[in-house]
């Protein structure tokens, strides 16, 4: 598995996702960025790589589940 994104990227994505799931903001609204607590640059990075980071997290969960089956 290719872990293209760092732990920091994943933590920032999870913070973004936590706010997104509330449904209170359009995620392009500057108030959403304030709620997430990221710099403009980091926020744009998460927006641009949202799906790829999500895929990496899902792959990691699948790999962990497979490893747990054989322990």
N, C-alpha and C. Protein backbone atom coordinates (compact mmCIF):
# COMPACT_ATOMS: atom_id res chain seq x y z
N UNK A 1 0.85 -1.18 0.00
CA UNK A 1 0.00 0.00 0.00
C UNK A 1 0.89 1.24 0.00
N UNK A 2 0.53 2.20 -0.81
CA UNK A 2 1.31 3.43 -0.92
C UNK A 2 0.67 4.51 -0.06
N UNK A 3 1.34 4.85 1.04
CA UNK A 3 0.83 5.92 1.92
C UNK A 3 1.40 7.24 1.44
N UNK A 4 0.66 7.85 0.55
CA UNK A 4 1.10 9.10 -0.06
C UNK A 4 0.95 10.28 0.90
N UNK A 5 -0.02 10.20 1.80
CA UNK A 5 -0.33 11.31 2.68
C UNK A 5 0.19 11.06 4.09
N UNK A 6 0.64 12.12 4.72
CA UNK A 6 1.25 12.02 6.05
C UNK A 6 0.18 11.93 7.14
N UNK A 7 0.64 11.62 8.34
CA UNK A 7 -0.27 11.60 9.49
C UNK A 7 -0.92 12.96 9.68
N UNK A 8 -0.15 14.02 9.46
CA UNK A 8 -0.70 15.37 9.58
C UNK A 8 -1.84 15.59 8.58
N UNK A 9 -1.63 15.12 7.34
CA UNK A 9 -2.68 15.25 6.32
C UNK A 9 -3.95 14.54 6.77
N UNK A 10 -3.79 13.37 7.34
CA UNK A 10 -4.94 12.58 7.77
C UNK A 10 -5.64 13.25 8.95
N UNK A 11 -4.89 13.79 9.89
CA UNK A 11 -5.49 14.50 11.02
C UNK A 11 -6.25 15.72 10.52
N UNK A 12 -5.65 16.47 9.61
CA UNK A 12 -6.32 17.66 9.06
C UNK A 12 -7.59 17.25 8.30
N UNK A 13 -7.52 16.14 7.55
CA UNK A 13 -8.69 15.65 6.83
C UNK A 13 -9.80 15.28 7.81
N UNK A 14 -9.45 14.60 8.89
CA UNK A 14 -10.45 14.21 9.89
C UNK A 14 -11.10 15.44 10.53
N UNK A 15 -10.31 16.47 10.81
CA UNK A 15 -10.88 17.71 11.34
C UNK A 15 -11.83 18.36 10.33
N UNK A 16 -11.44 18.37 9.08
CA UNK A 16 -12.28 18.89 8.00
C UNK A 16 -13.57 18.08 7.93
N UNK A 17 -13.44 16.77 7.96
CA UNK A 17 -14.59 15.88 7.82
C UNK A 17 -15.56 16.03 8.99
N UNK A 18 -15.03 16.22 10.18
CA UNK A 18 -15.88 16.41 11.36
C UNK A 18 -16.80 17.63 11.16
N UNK A 19 -16.26 18.72 10.63
CA UNK A 19 -17.07 19.92 10.38
C UNK A 19 -18.01 19.69 9.20
N UNK A 20 -17.54 19.03 8.16
CA UNK A 20 -18.37 18.78 6.98
C UNK A 20 -19.61 17.98 7.35
N UNK A 21 -19.43 16.98 8.19
CA UNK A 21 -20.55 16.10 8.55
C UNK A 21 -21.62 16.79 9.39
N UNK A 22 -21.30 17.94 9.98
CA UNK A 22 -22.33 18.66 10.72
C UNK A 22 -23.39 19.22 9.78
N UNK A 23 -23.00 19.49 8.52
CA UNK A 23 -23.93 20.03 7.54
C UNK A 23 -24.26 21.49 7.76
N UNK A 24 -23.55 22.16 8.65
CA UNK A 24 -23.85 23.55 8.97
C UNK A 24 -23.26 24.53 7.97
N UNK A 25 -22.26 24.09 7.21
CA UNK A 25 -21.54 25.01 6.33
C UNK A 25 -21.38 24.42 4.94
N UNK A 26 -21.43 25.29 3.94
CA UNK A 26 -20.88 24.96 2.64
C UNK A 26 -19.37 24.98 2.87
N UNK A 27 -18.69 23.94 2.49
CA UNK A 27 -17.27 23.84 2.83
C UNK A 27 -16.39 24.82 2.05
N UNK A 28 -16.98 25.58 1.13
CA UNK A 28 -16.25 26.65 0.47
C UNK A 28 -16.44 27.99 1.20
N UNK A 29 -17.27 27.99 2.21
CA UNK A 29 -17.52 29.18 3.02
C UNK A 29 -16.31 29.42 3.94
N UNK A 30 -15.79 30.63 3.99
CA UNK A 30 -14.64 30.91 4.87
C UNK A 30 -14.89 30.56 6.34
N UNK A 31 -16.15 30.59 6.77
CA UNK A 31 -16.45 30.21 8.15
C UNK A 31 -16.17 28.74 8.40
N UNK A 32 -16.32 27.92 7.38
CA UNK A 32 -16.01 26.49 7.52
C UNK A 32 -14.52 26.32 7.80
N UNK A 33 -13.69 27.05 7.08
CA UNK A 33 -12.24 26.97 7.31
C UNK A 33 -11.90 27.40 8.72
N UNK A 34 -12.55 28.44 9.19
CA UNK A 34 -12.32 28.90 10.57
C UNK A 34 -12.69 27.82 11.57
N UNK A 35 -13.80 27.13 11.34
CA UNK A 35 -14.24 26.07 12.24
C UNK A 35 -13.27 24.88 12.22
N UNK A 36 -12.73 24.58 11.06
CA UNK A 36 -11.77 23.48 10.96
C UNK A 36 -10.46 23.85 11.66
N UNK A 37 -10.10 25.14 11.60
CA UNK A 37 -8.90 25.60 12.27
C UNK A 37 -7.62 25.40 11.48
N UNK A 38 -7.73 25.39 10.17
CA UNK A 38 -6.55 25.23 9.31
C UNK A 38 -6.19 26.55 8.64
N UNK A 39 -4.91 26.65 8.29
CA UNK A 39 -4.50 27.81 7.49
C UNK A 39 -5.16 27.69 6.12
N UNK A 40 -5.19 28.79 5.41
CA UNK A 40 -5.78 28.78 4.07
C UNK A 40 -5.09 27.76 3.17
N UNK A 41 -3.77 27.70 3.26
CA UNK A 41 -3.00 26.78 2.42
C UNK A 41 -3.33 25.33 2.74
N UNK A 42 -3.38 24.99 4.04
CA UNK A 42 -3.69 23.61 4.45
C UNK A 42 -5.12 23.25 4.06
N UNK A 43 -6.04 24.20 4.22
CA UNK A 43 -7.43 23.96 3.89
C UNK A 43 -7.58 23.66 2.40
N UNK A 44 -6.93 24.44 1.57
CA UNK A 44 -6.97 24.21 0.13
C UNK A 44 -6.36 22.85 -0.21
N UNK A 45 -5.27 22.50 0.46
CA UNK A 45 -4.65 21.19 0.25
C UNK A 45 -5.66 20.07 0.53
N UNK A 46 -6.38 20.18 1.64
CA UNK A 46 -7.36 19.16 1.99
C UNK A 46 -8.49 19.14 0.95
N UNK A 47 -8.96 20.29 0.53
CA UNK A 47 -9.99 20.34 -0.52
C UNK A 47 -9.52 19.65 -1.80
N UNK A 48 -8.30 19.94 -2.20
CA UNK A 48 -7.78 19.40 -3.46
C UNK A 48 -7.52 17.91 -3.40
N UNK A 49 -7.20 17.39 -2.21
CA UNK A 49 -6.82 15.97 -2.08
C UNK A 49 -7.83 15.16 -1.27
N UNK A 50 -9.01 15.72 -1.07
CA UNK A 50 -10.02 15.11 -0.21
C UNK A 50 -10.24 13.62 -0.53
N UNK A 51 -10.56 13.32 -1.77
CA UNK A 51 -10.88 11.93 -2.15
C UNK A 51 -9.69 11.01 -2.03
N UNK A 52 -8.52 11.50 -2.38
CA UNK A 52 -7.32 10.66 -2.29
C UNK A 52 -6.97 10.32 -0.84
N UNK A 53 -7.11 11.30 0.05
CA UNK A 53 -6.85 11.04 1.46
C UNK A 53 -7.90 10.07 1.99
N UNK A 54 -9.15 10.28 1.62
CA UNK A 54 -10.23 9.38 2.04
C UNK A 54 -9.93 7.95 1.57
N UNK A 55 -9.47 7.78 0.36
CA UNK A 55 -9.12 6.45 -0.17
C UNK A 55 -7.99 5.82 0.63
N UNK A 56 -6.98 6.61 0.96
CA UNK A 56 -5.85 6.09 1.74
C UNK A 56 -6.32 5.61 3.11
N UNK A 57 -7.20 6.37 3.75
CA UNK A 57 -7.73 5.98 5.06
C UNK A 57 -8.51 4.67 4.93
N UNK A 58 -9.34 4.56 3.91
CA UNK A 58 -10.12 3.33 3.71
C UNK A 58 -9.21 2.14 3.46
N UNK A 59 -8.17 2.32 2.66
CA UNK A 59 -7.22 1.23 2.39
C UNK A 59 -6.51 0.80 3.66
N UNK A 60 -6.16 1.75 4.50
CA UNK A 60 -5.49 1.44 5.76
C UNK A 60 -6.40 0.63 6.68
N UNK A 61 -7.68 0.99 6.71
CA UNK A 61 -8.65 0.25 7.53
C UNK A 61 -8.82 -1.17 7.02
N UNK A 62 -8.89 -1.34 5.72
CA UNK A 62 -9.02 -2.68 5.14
C UNK A 62 -7.80 -3.52 5.47
N UNK A 63 -6.61 -2.94 5.30
CA UNK A 63 -5.37 -3.66 5.60
C UNK A 63 -5.31 -4.06 7.07
N UNK A 64 -5.73 -3.16 7.95
CA UNK A 64 -5.73 -3.46 9.38
C UNK A 64 -6.70 -4.59 9.69
N UNK A 65 -7.87 -4.58 9.07
CA UNK A 65 -8.84 -5.64 9.29
C UNK A 65 -8.32 -6.99 8.81
N UNK A 66 -7.64 -7.00 7.68
CA UNK A 66 -7.07 -8.23 7.16
C UNK A 66 -5.99 -8.74 8.11
N UNK A 67 -5.14 -7.84 8.58
CA UNK A 67 -4.08 -8.25 9.51
C UNK A 67 -4.67 -8.79 10.81
N UNK A 68 -5.76 -8.19 11.28
CA UNK A 68 -6.40 -8.65 12.51
C UNK A 68 -7.00 -10.03 12.36
N UNK A 69 -7.42 -10.39 11.15
CA UNK A 69 -8.00 -11.71 10.91
C UNK A 69 -6.97 -12.81 11.13
N UNK A 70 -5.71 -12.51 10.95
CA UNK A 70 -4.67 -13.53 11.02
C UNK A 70 -3.85 -13.47 12.30
N UNK A 71 -4.31 -12.69 13.25
CA UNK A 71 -3.58 -12.62 14.53
C UNK A 71 -4.09 -13.65 15.48
